[in-house]
PDB file of N, CA and C in Angstrom:
ATOM      1  N   MET A   1     -71.428 -27.779 -75.747  1.00  0.00           N
ATOM      2  CA  MET A   1     -70.360 -28.201 -74.902  1.00  0.00           C
ATOM      3  C   MET A   1     -70.509 -29.493 -74.044  1.00  0.00           C
ATOM      4  N   ARG A   2     -71.711 -29.737 -73.745  1.00  0.00           N
ATOM      5  CA  ARG A   2     -72.087 -30.926 -73.065  1.00  0.00           C
ATOM      6  C   ARG A   2     -71.796 -32.185 -73.935  1.00  0.00           C
ATOM      7  N   ASN A   3     -72.097 -32.170 -75.221  1.00  0.00           N
ATOM      8  CA  ASN A   3     -71.943 -33.181 -76.116  1.00  0.00           C
ATOM      9  C   ASN A   3     -70.365 -33.480 -76.302  1.00  0.00           C
ATOM     10  N   TRP A   4     -69.699 -32.285 -76.365  1.00  0.00           N
ATOM     11  CA  TRP A   4     -68.278 -32.423 -76.620  1.00  0.00           C
ATOM     12  C   TRP A   4     -67.630 -33.113 -75.384  1.00  0.00           C
ATOM     13  N   LEU A   5     -68.086 -32.787 -74.113  1.00  0.00           N
ATOM     14  CA  LEU A   5     -67.597 -33.319 -72.921  1.00  0.00           C
ATOM     15  C   LEU A   5     -67.831 -34.861 -72.878  1.00  0.00           C
ATOM     16  N   LEU A   6     -69.049 -35.126 -73.312  1.00  0.00           N
ATOM     17  CA  LEU A   6     -69.410 -36.609 -73.303  1.00  0.00           C
ATOM     18  C   LEU A   6     -68.702 -37.421 -74.317  1.00  0.00           C
ATOM     19  N   VAL A   7     -68.523 -36.932 -75.606  1.00  0.00           N
ATOM     20  CA  VAL A   7     -67.687 -37.641 -76.619  1.00  0.00           C
ATOM     21  C   VAL A   7     -66.306 -37.765 -76.216  1.00  0.00           C
ATOM     22  N   VAL A   8     -65.636 -36.788 -75.668  1.00  0.00           N
ATOM     23  CA  VAL A   8     -64.306 -36.764 -75.249  1.00  0.00           C
ATOM     24  C   VAL A   8     -64.061 -37.722 -73.971  1.00  0.00           C
ATOM     25  N   GLY A   9     -64.994 -37.590 -73.190  1.00  0.00           N
ATOM     26  CA  GLY A   9     -64.994 -38.456 -72.008  1.00  0.00           C
ATOM     27  C   GLY A   9     -65.137 -39.909 -72.345  1.00  0.00           C
ATOM     28  N   LEU A  10     -66.087 -40.387 -73.256  1.00  0.00           N
ATOM     29  CA  LEU A  10     -66.216 -41.781 -73.599  1.00  0.00           C
ATOM     30  C   LEU A  10     -65.032 -42.375 -74.417  1.00  0.00           C
ATOM     31  N   ILE A  11     -64.317 -41.346 -75.246  1.00  0.00           N
ATOM     32  CA  ILE A  11     -63.143 -41.832 -75.908  1.00  0.00           C
ATOM     33  C   ILE A  11     -61.985 -42.036 -74.896  1.00  0.00           C
ATOM     34  N   ALA A  12     -61.905 -41.070 -73.848  1.00  0.00           N
ATOM     35  CA  ALA A  12     -60.783 -41.228 -73.038  1.00  0.00           C
ATOM     36  C   ALA A  12     -61.047 -42.384 -72.133  1.00  0.00           C
ATOM     37  N   LEU A  13     -62.292 -42.763 -71.729  1.00  0.00           N
ATOM     38  CA  LEU A  13     -62.662 -43.982 -71.083  1.00  0.00           C
ATOM     39  C   LEU A  13     -62.239 -45.279 -71.850  1.00  0.00           C
ATOM     40  N   ALA A  14     -62.644 -45.288 -73.019  1.00  0.00           N
ATOM     41  CA  ALA A  14     -62.423 -46.377 -73.907  1.00  0.00           C
ATOM     42  C   ALA A  14     -60.735 -46.601 -74.019  1.00  0.00           C
ATOM     43  N   ILE A  15     -60.072 -45.663 -74.306  1.00  0.00           N
ATOM     44  CA  ILE A  15     -58.667 -45.700 -74.603  1.00  0.00           C
ATOM     45  C   ILE A  15     -57.996 -46.162 -73.134  1.00  0.00           C
ATOM     46  N   GLY A  16     -58.457 -45.658 -72.195  1.00  0.00           N
ATOM     47  CA  GLY A  16     -57.929 -45.937 -70.769  1.00  0.00           C
ATOM     48  C   GLY A  16     -58.171 -47.422 -70.368  1.00  0.00           C
ATOM     49  N   LEU A  17     -59.268 -47.954 -70.707  1.00  0.00           N
ATOM     50  CA  LEU A  17     -59.607 -49.375 -70.487  1.00  0.00           C
ATOM     51  C   LEU A  17     -58.691 -50.193 -71.531  1.00  0.00           C
ATOM     52  N   LEU A  18     -58.408 -49.831 -72.577  1.00  0.00           N
ATOM     53  CA  LEU A  18     -57.592 -50.525 -73.510  1.00  0.00           C
ATOM     54  C   LEU A  18     -56.154 -50.486 -72.987  1.00  0.00           C
ATOM     55  N   TRP A  19     -55.747 -49.436 -72.431  1.00  0.00           N
ATOM     56  CA  TRP A  19     -54.391 -49.362 -71.872  1.00  0.00           C
ATOM     57  C   TRP A  19     -54.121 -50.233 -70.604  1.00  0.00           C
ATOM     58  N   ILE A  20     -55.367 -50.217 -69.770  1.00  0.00           N
ATOM     59  CA  ILE A  20     -55.291 -51.124 -68.600  1.00  0.00           C
ATOM     60  C   ILE A  20     -55.115 -52.614 -69.044  1.00  0.00           C
ATOM     61  N   GLY A  21     -55.906 -52.924 -70.140  1.00  0.00           N
ATOM     62  CA  GLY A  21     -55.802 -54.393 -70.621  1.00  0.00           C
ATOM     63  C   GLY A  21     -54.562 -54.749 -71.052  1.00  0.00           C
ATOM     64  N   GLN A  22     -53.935 -53.839 -71.830  1.00  0.00           N
ATOM     65  CA  GLN A  22     -52.665 -53.988 -72.508  1.00  0.00           C
ATOM     66  C   GLN A  22     -51.621 -54.199 -71.288  1.00  0.00           C
ATOM     67  N   GLY A  23     -51.580 -53.175 -70.391  1.00  0.00           N
ATOM     68  CA  GLY A  23     -50.649 -53.016 -69.419  1.00  0.00           C
ATOM     69  C   GLY A  23     -50.677 -54.300 -68.545  1.00  0.00           C
ATOM     70  N   LEU A  24     -51.839 -54.948 -68.261  1.00  0.00           N
ATOM     71  CA  LEU A  24     -51.987 -56.098 -67.459  1.00  0.00           C
ATOM     72  C   LEU A  24     -51.833 -57.444 -68.307  1.00  0.00           C
ATOM     73  N   GLY A  25     -51.631 -57.261 -69.542  1.00  0.00           N
ATOM     74  CA  GLY A  25     -51.427 -58.458 -70.437  1.00  0.00           C
ATOM     75  C   GLY A  25     -52.703 -59.195 -70.678  1.00  0.00           C
ATOM     76  N   LEU A  26     -53.861 -58.497 -70.602  1.00  0.00           N
ATOM     77  CA  LEU A  26     -55.166 -59.144 -70.833  1.00  0.00           C
ATOM     78  C   LEU A  26     -55.521 -59.001 -72.293  1.00  0.00           C
ATOM     79  N   VAL A  27     -55.073 -57.857 -72.861  1.00  0.00           N
ATOM     80  CA  VAL A  27     -55.314 -57.484 -74.345  1.00  0.00           C
ATOM     81  C   VAL A  27     -53.997 -57.429 -75.098  1.00  0.00           C
ATOM     82  N   THR A  28     -53.868 -58.407 -76.026  1.00  0.00           N
ATOM     83  CA  THR A  28     -52.588 -58.530 -76.781  1.00  0.00           C
ATOM     84  C   THR A  28     -52.678 -58.031 -78.085  1.00  0.00           C
ATOM     85  N   TRP A  29     -53.549 -56.815 -78.335  1.00  0.00           N
ATOM     86  CA  TRP A  29     -53.722 -56.493 -79.627  1.00  0.00           C
ATOM     87  C   TRP A  29     -53.332 -54.898 -79.556  1.00  0.00           C
ATOM     88  N   PRO A  30     -52.547 -54.456 -80.457  1.00  0.00           N
ATOM     89  CA  PRO A  30     -51.861 -55.152 -81.501  1.00  0.00           C
ATOM     90  C   PRO A  30     -50.758 -55.977 -80.977  1.00  0.00           C
ATOM     91  N   ARG A  31     -50.401 -57.071 -81.686  1.00  0.00           N
ATOM     92  CA  ARG A  31     -49.369 -57.883 -81.184  1.00  0.00           C
ATOM     93  C   ARG A  31     -47.954 -57.328 -80.900  1.00  0.00           C
ATOM     94  N   GLN A  32     -47.594 -56.298 -81.725  1.00  0.00           N
ATOM     95  CA  GLN A  32     -46.351 -55.544 -81.613  1.00  0.00           C
ATOM     96  C   GLN A  32     -46.258 -54.508 -80.626  1.00  0.00           C
ATOM     97  N   SER A  33     -47.354 -54.241 -79.823  1.00  0.00           N
ATOM     98  CA  SER A  33     -47.425 -53.195 -78.939  1.00  0.00           C
ATOM     99  C   SER A  33     -46.455 -53.176 -77.784  1.00  0.00           C
ATOM    100  N   PHE A  34     -45.794 -52.141 -77.567  1.00  0.00           N
ATOM    101  CA  PHE A  34     -44.745 -52.062 -76.470  1.00  0.00           C
ATOM    102  C   PHE A  34     -45.419 -51.889 -75.159  1.00  0.00           C
ATOM    103  N   MET A  35     -46.716 -51.774 -75.108  1.00  0.00           N
ATOM    104  CA  MET A  35     -47.387 -51.578 -73.843  1.00  0.00           C
ATOM    105  C   MET A  35     -47.800 -52.866 -73.131  1.00  0.00           C
ATOM    106  N   ILE A  36     -47.746 -53.889 -73.827  1.00  0.00           N
ATOM    107  CA  ILE A  36     -48.258 -55.319 -73.345  1.00  0.00           C
ATOM    108  C   ILE A  36     -47.255 -55.741 -72.209  1.00  0.00           C
ATOM    109  N   ASN A  37     -48.072 -56.091 -71.166  1.00  0.00           N
ATOM    110  CA  ASN A  37     -47.225 -56.645 -69.910  1.00  0.00           C
ATOM    111  C   ASN A  37     -46.352 -55.502 -69.293  1.00  0.00           C
ATOM    112  N   GLN A  38     -46.726 -54.264 -69.484  1.00  0.00           N
ATOM    113  CA  GLN A  38     -45.913 -53.165 -68.908  1.00  0.00           C
ATOM    114  C   GLN A  38     -46.914 -52.516 -67.926  1.00  0.00           C
ATOM    115  N   ILE A  39     -46.638 -52.883 -66.549  1.00  0.00           N
ATOM    116  CA  ILE A  39     -47.584 -52.506 -65.481  1.00  0.00           C
ATOM    117  C   ILE A  39     -47.843 -50.924 -65.458  1.00  0.00           C
ATOM    118  N   GLN A  40     -46.883 -50.147 -65.946  1.00  0.00           N
ATOM    119  CA  GLN A  40     -47.081 -48.735 -65.710  1.00  0.00           C
ATOM    120  C   GLN A  40     -48.080 -48.185 -66.729  1.00  0.00           C
ATOM    121  N   TRP A  41     -48.450 -48.925 -67.873  1.00  0.00           N
ATOM    122  CA  TRP A  41     -49.479 -48.495 -68.786  1.00  0.00           C
ATOM    123  C   TRP A  41     -50.824 -48.777 -68.230  1.00  0.00           C
ATOM    124  N   ALA A  42     -50.896 -49.782 -67.271  1.00  0.00           N
ATOM    125  CA  ALA A  42     -52.186 -50.008 -66.603  1.00  0.00           C
ATOM    126  C   ALA A  42     -52.400 -48.800 -65.664  1.00  0.00           C
ATOM    127  N   GLY A  43     -51.446 -48.234 -65.053  1.00  0.00           N
ATOM    128  CA  GLY A  43     -51.567 -47.051 -64.198  1.00  0.00           C
ATOM    129  C   GLY A  43     -52.002 -45.894 -65.036  1.00  0.00           C
ATOM    130  N   TYR A  44     -51.409 -45.782 -66.324  1.00  0.00           N
ATOM    131  CA  TYR A  44     -51.641 -44.579 -67.080  1.00  0.00           C
ATOM    132  C   TYR A  44     -53.126 -44.676 -67.572  1.00  0.00           C
ATOM    133  N   GLY A  45     -53.509 -45.932 -67.941  1.00  0.00           N
ATOM    134  CA  GLY A  45     -54.821 -46.161 -68.349  1.00  0.00           C
ATOM    135  C   GLY A  45     -55.934 -45.909 -67.294  1.00  0.00           C
ATOM    136  N   ALA A  46     -55.508 -46.303 -66.046  1.00  0.00           N
ATOM    137  CA  ALA A  46     -56.574 -46.044 -64.916  1.00  0.00           C
ATOM    138  C   ALA A  46     -56.786 -44.604 -64.839  1.00  0.00           C
ATOM    139  N   ALA A  47     -55.609 -43.782 -64.951  1.00  0.00           N
ATOM    140  CA  ALA A  47     -55.771 -42.349 -64.840  1.00  0.00           C
ATOM    141  C   ALA A  47     -56.613 -41.754 -65.978  1.00  0.00           C
ATOM    142  N   LEU A  48     -56.365 -42.222 -67.054  1.00  0.00           N
ATOM    143  CA  LEU A  48     -57.137 -41.780 -68.214  1.00  0.00           C
ATOM    144  C   LEU A  48     -58.591 -42.065 -68.142  1.00  0.00           C
ATOM    145  N   ALA A  49     -58.753 -43.409 -67.762  1.00  0.00           N
ATOM    146  CA  ALA A  49     -60.183 -43.733 -67.531  1.00  0.00           C
ATOM    147  C   ALA A  49     -61.033 -43.011 -66.586  1.00  0.00           C
ATOM    148  N   ALA A  50     -60.292 -42.722 -65.335  1.00  0.00           N
ATOM    149  CA  ALA A  50     -60.840 -41.839 -64.373  1.00  0.00           C
ATOM    150  C   ALA A  50     -61.140 -40.450 -64.867  1.00  0.00           C
ATOM    151  N   LEU A  51     -60.205 -39.861 -65.708  1.00  0.00           N
ATOM    152  CA  LEU A  51     -60.578 -38.475 -66.216  1.00  0.00           C
ATOM    153  C   LEU A  51     -61.761 -38.654 -67.158  1.00  0.00           C
ATOM    154  N   GLY A  52     -61.865 -39.674 -68.156  1.00  0.00           N
ATOM    155  CA  GLY A  52     -63.004 -39.917 -68.914  1.00  0.00           C
ATOM    156  C   GLY A  52     -64.193 -39.948 -68.050  1.00  0.00           C
ATOM    157  N   LEU A  53     -64.232 -40.757 -66.996  1.00  0.00           N
ATOM    158  CA  LEU A  53     -65.436 -40.727 -66.097  1.00  0.00           C
ATOM    159  C   LEU A  53     -65.764 -39.429 -65.578  1.00  0.00           C
ATOM    160  N   VAL A  54     -64.798 -38.618 -65.168  1.00  0.00           N
ATOM    161  CA  VAL A  54     -65.101 -37.333 -64.652  1.00  0.00           C
ATOM    162  C   VAL A  54     -65.693 -36.500 -65.836  1.00  0.00           C
ATOM    163  N   LEU A  55     -65.156 -36.471 -67.025  1.00  0.00           N
ATOM    164  CA  LEU A  55     -65.755 -35.822 -68.151  1.00  0.00           C
ATOM    165  C   LEU A  55     -67.197 -36.346 -68.432  1.00  0.00           C
ATOM    166  N   VAL A  56     -67.477 -37.516 -68.439  1.00  0.00           N
ATOM    167  CA  VAL A  56     -68.888 -38.054 -68.720  1.00  0.00           C
ATOM    168  C   VAL A  56     -69.872 -37.388 -67.536  1.00  0.00           C
ATOM    169  N   TRP A  57     -69.253 -37.645 -66.290  1.00  0.00           N
ATOM    170  CA  TRP A  57     -70.148 -37.068 -65.161  1.00  0.00           C
ATOM    171  C   TRP A  57     -70.488 -35.635 -65.301  1.00  0.00           C
ATOM    172  N   GLN A  58     -69.383 -34.881 -65.739  1.00  0.00           N
ATOM    173  CA  GLN A  58     -69.627 -33.502 -65.742  1.00  0.00           C
ATOM    174  C   GLN A  58     -70.636 -33.094 -67.057  1.00  0.00           C
ATOM    175  N   SER A  59     -70.562 -33.993 -68.069  1.00  0.00           N
ATOM    176  CA  SER A  59     -71.510 -33.644 -69.345  1.00  0.00           C
ATOM    177  C   SER A  59     -72.946 -33.903 -68.807  1.00  0.00           C
ATOM    178  N   LYS A  60     -73.139 -34.634 -67.801  1.00  0.00           N
ATOM    179  CA  LYS A  60     -74.549 -35.085 -67.473  1.00  0.00           C
ATOM    180  C   LYS A  60     -75.103 -34.147 -66.342  1.00  0.00           C
ATOM    181  N   ARG A  61     -74.220 -33.175 -65.874  1.00  0.00           N
ATOM    182  CA  ARG A  61     -74.661 -32.222 -64.804  1.00  0.00           C
ATOM    183  C   ARG A  61     -75.371 -31.001 -65.430  1.00  0.00           C
TER     184      ARG A  61
END
């Protein structure tokens, strides 16, 4: 169970950071992404990254 939480948490954290970067216009990959420069995606990414951190933290308890 702990390994599963760690893997899912790290994936959620990575995707959340990507969404933050795309939402803020810092990451322009892929070029055709509808998420680039859309600030709401930075918010969604922050929430997903926070969830990922919680899962990683729970896997270490």
